[in-house]
Amino acid sequence: MDLRRPARGFVRVRFEIDSSGSVQKFRVLEASSDVHARKAEEIVSGLRAPPPPGGGFVAEQSFNFR
């Protein structure tokens, strides 16, 4: 399977954005395959956010690969 463009599948993740806007504590909650889980981790780990106004927060995100 091509890691740059995985086949159909899904991933649900949870992660924390800290008070500086950095991603922390990434966790895969559910995934159709390890390839999809790794791709979601690659996407989320590349996030660069401005500092959140109320401080850090926890988020859940679903990815559907088509």
N, C-alpha and C. Protein backbone atom coordinates (compact mmCIF):
# COMPACT_ATOMS: atom_id res chain seq x y z
N MET A 1 0.85 -1.18 0.00
CA MET A 1 0.00 0.00 0.00
C MET A 1 0.89 1.24 0.00
N ASP A 2 0.58 2.20 -0.83
CA ASP A 2 1.34 3.44 -0.94
C ASP A 2 1.06 4.31 0.29
N LEU A 3 2.11 4.58 1.09
CA LEU A 3 1.93 5.37 2.32
C LEU A 3 1.57 6.82 2.03
N ARG A 4 1.92 7.31 0.85
CA ARG A 4 1.57 8.70 0.53
C ARG A 4 0.09 8.86 0.29
N ARG A 5 -0.56 7.79 -0.19
CA ARG A 5 -1.99 7.84 -0.50
C ARG A 5 -2.62 6.49 -0.14
N PRO A 6 -2.97 6.30 1.13
CA PRO A 6 -3.53 5.01 1.53
C PRO A 6 -4.90 4.77 0.89
N ALA A 7 -5.28 3.50 0.80
CA ALA A 7 -6.58 3.11 0.27
C ALA A 7 -7.69 3.60 1.20
N ARG A 8 -8.92 3.33 0.85
CA ARG A 8 -10.06 3.75 1.68
C ARG A 8 -9.89 3.26 3.11
N GLY A 9 -10.29 4.10 4.05
CA GLY A 9 -10.22 3.72 5.46
C GLY A 9 -10.54 4.90 6.35
N PHE A 10 -10.36 4.72 7.64
CA PHE A 10 -10.69 5.78 8.60
C PHE A 10 -9.75 5.71 9.80
N VAL A 11 -9.69 6.83 10.50
CA VAL A 11 -8.94 6.92 11.76
C VAL A 11 -9.65 7.92 12.65
N ARG A 12 -9.69 7.63 13.93
CA ARG A 12 -10.19 8.59 14.93
C ARG A 12 -9.07 8.77 15.95
N VAL A 13 -8.70 10.03 16.20
CA VAL A 13 -7.58 10.33 17.09
C VAL A 13 -7.98 11.34 18.16
N ARG A 14 -7.19 11.35 19.21
CA ARG A 14 -7.33 12.35 20.28
C ARG A 14 -5.95 12.95 20.49
N PHE A 15 -5.92 14.26 20.68
CA PHE A 15 -4.64 14.92 20.92
C PHE A 15 -4.89 16.19 21.74
N GLU A 16 -3.81 16.70 22.28
CA GLU A 16 -3.89 17.92 23.08
C GLU A 16 -3.12 19.02 22.36
N ILE A 17 -3.69 20.20 22.34
CA ILE A 17 -2.99 21.41 21.90
C ILE A 17 -2.63 22.14 23.18
N ASP A 18 -1.33 22.33 23.42
CA ASP A 18 -0.93 22.99 24.66
C ASP A 18 -1.05 24.51 24.54
N SER A 19 -0.74 25.21 25.60
CA SER A 19 -0.95 26.67 25.64
C SER A 19 -0.08 27.42 24.63
N SER A 20 0.95 26.76 24.08
CA SER A 20 1.78 27.42 23.06
C SER A 20 1.30 27.11 21.64
N GLY A 21 0.30 26.20 21.52
CA GLY A 21 -0.23 25.82 20.21
C GLY A 21 0.41 24.56 19.65
N SER A 22 1.24 23.88 20.44
CA SER A 22 1.90 22.66 20.00
C SER A 22 1.03 21.43 20.27
N VAL A 23 1.14 20.44 19.40
CA VAL A 23 0.41 19.18 19.57
C VAL A 23 1.14 18.31 20.59
N GLN A 24 0.38 17.79 21.54
CA GLN A 24 0.92 16.92 22.59
C GLN A 24 0.01 15.71 22.75
N LYS A 25 0.51 14.65 23.33
CA LYS A 25 -0.29 13.47 23.73
C LYS A 25 -1.19 12.93 22.63
N PHE A 26 -0.63 12.71 21.44
CA PHE A 26 -1.39 12.14 20.33
C PHE A 26 -1.71 10.68 20.62
N ARG A 27 -2.95 10.28 20.33
CA ARG A 27 -3.36 8.89 20.56
C ARG A 27 -4.38 8.47 19.50
N VAL A 28 -4.16 7.32 18.89
CA VAL A 28 -5.13 6.76 17.94
C VAL A 28 -6.18 6.02 18.76
N LEU A 29 -7.43 6.39 18.59
CA LEU A 29 -8.53 5.74 19.29
C LEU A 29 -9.08 4.56 18.51
N GLU A 30 -9.06 4.68 17.19
CA GLU A 30 -9.64 3.66 16.32
C GLU A 30 -9.07 3.88 14.91
N ALA A 31 -8.77 2.79 14.21
CA ALA A 31 -8.25 2.92 12.85
C ALA A 31 -8.54 1.66 12.06
N SER A 32 -8.74 1.84 10.76
CA SER A 32 -8.99 0.69 9.90
C SER A 32 -7.70 -0.06 9.57
N SER A 33 -6.54 0.57 9.73
CA SER A 33 -5.26 -0.11 9.52
C SER A 33 -4.14 0.71 10.15
N ASP A 34 -2.99 0.08 10.30
CA ASP A 34 -1.81 0.78 10.82
C ASP A 34 -1.35 1.86 9.86
N VAL A 35 -1.49 1.61 8.56
CA VAL A 35 -1.10 2.62 7.56
C VAL A 35 -1.93 3.88 7.74
N HIS A 36 -3.23 3.72 7.93
CA HIS A 36 -4.09 4.88 8.13
C HIS A 36 -3.74 5.59 9.43
N ALA A 37 -3.46 4.84 10.48
CA ALA A 37 -3.08 5.44 11.76
C ALA A 37 -1.81 6.26 11.63
N ARG A 38 -0.81 5.72 10.93
CA ARG A 38 0.45 6.45 10.74
C ARG A 38 0.24 7.72 9.92
N LYS A 39 -0.62 7.64 8.91
CA LYS A 39 -0.88 8.82 8.08
C LYS A 39 -1.57 9.91 8.91
N ALA A 40 -2.53 9.54 9.75
CA ALA A 40 -3.21 10.52 10.61
C ALA A 40 -2.21 11.14 11.58
N GLU A 41 -1.31 10.33 12.13
CA GLU A 41 -0.30 10.88 13.05
C GLU A 41 0.60 11.86 12.33
N GLU A 42 0.96 11.55 11.09
CA GLU A 42 1.78 12.45 10.28
C GLU A 42 1.06 13.79 10.06
N ILE A 43 -0.23 13.72 9.75
CA ILE A 43 -1.02 14.93 9.52
C ILE A 43 -1.09 15.78 10.78
N VAL A 44 -1.47 15.16 11.91
CA VAL A 44 -1.66 15.91 13.16
C VAL A 44 -0.33 16.44 13.69
N SER A 45 0.73 15.65 13.59
CA SER A 45 2.01 16.11 14.13
C SER A 45 2.55 17.31 13.35
N GLY A 46 2.07 17.51 12.12
CA GLY A 46 2.49 18.66 11.33
C GLY A 46 1.71 19.93 11.62
N LEU A 47 0.73 19.86 12.50
CA LEU A 47 -0.08 21.05 12.82
C LEU A 47 0.74 22.09 13.56
N ARG A 48 0.55 23.34 13.20
CA ARG A 48 1.14 24.47 13.92
C ARG A 48 0.02 25.47 14.15
N ALA A 49 -0.40 25.58 15.39
CA ALA A 49 -1.53 26.46 15.73
C ALA A 49 -1.04 27.65 16.54
N PRO A 50 -1.76 28.76 16.47
CA PRO A 50 -1.43 29.87 17.36
C PRO A 50 -1.82 29.50 18.79
N PRO A 51 -1.27 30.16 19.78
CA PRO A 51 -1.67 29.87 21.16
C PRO A 51 -3.18 30.05 21.33
N PRO A 52 -3.87 29.03 21.85
CA PRO A 52 -5.32 29.15 22.05
C PRO A 52 -5.64 30.23 23.09
N PRO A 53 -6.71 31.00 22.87
CA PRO A 53 -7.05 32.10 23.77
C PRO A 53 -7.30 31.66 25.22
N GLY A 54 -7.88 30.48 25.41
CA GLY A 54 -8.18 30.04 26.77
C GLY A 54 -7.16 29.05 27.31
N GLY A 55 -6.01 28.94 26.68
CA GLY A 55 -5.02 27.94 27.08
C GLY A 55 -5.18 26.68 26.26
N GLY A 56 -4.55 25.61 26.69
CA GLY A 56 -4.58 24.36 25.95
C GLY A 56 -5.95 23.69 25.98
N PHE A 57 -6.12 22.71 25.10
CA PHE A 57 -7.38 21.97 25.06
C PHE A 57 -7.14 20.59 24.44
N VAL A 58 -8.09 19.70 24.64
CA VAL A 58 -8.06 18.36 24.08
C VAL A 58 -9.04 18.31 22.92
N ALA A 59 -8.64 17.65 21.83
CA ALA A 59 -9.50 17.55 20.65
C ALA A 59 -9.56 16.11 20.16
N GLU A 60 -10.66 15.76 19.54
CA GLU A 60 -10.80 14.49 18.82
C GLU A 60 -11.08 14.84 17.37
N GLN A 61 -10.48 14.05 16.48
CA GLN A 61 -10.65 14.31 15.05
C GLN A 61 -10.79 12.97 14.33
N SER A 62 -11.70 12.92 13.39
CA SER A 62 -11.85 11.74 12.53
C SER A 62 -11.33 12.05 11.15
N PHE A 63 -10.69 11.07 10.52
CA PHE A 63 -10.21 11.17 9.15
C PHE A 63 -10.85 10.06 8.35
N ASN A 64 -11.40 10.40 7.20
CA ASN A 64 -11.92 9.40 6.27
C ASN A 64 -11.08 9.49 5.00
N PHE A 65 -10.38 8.42 4.69
CA PHE A 65 -9.55 8.36 3.50
C PHE A 65 -10.37 7.74 2.38
N ARG A 66 -10.41 8.41 1.24
CA ARG A 66 -11.19 7.93 0.10
C ARG A 66 -10.34 7.85 -1.13
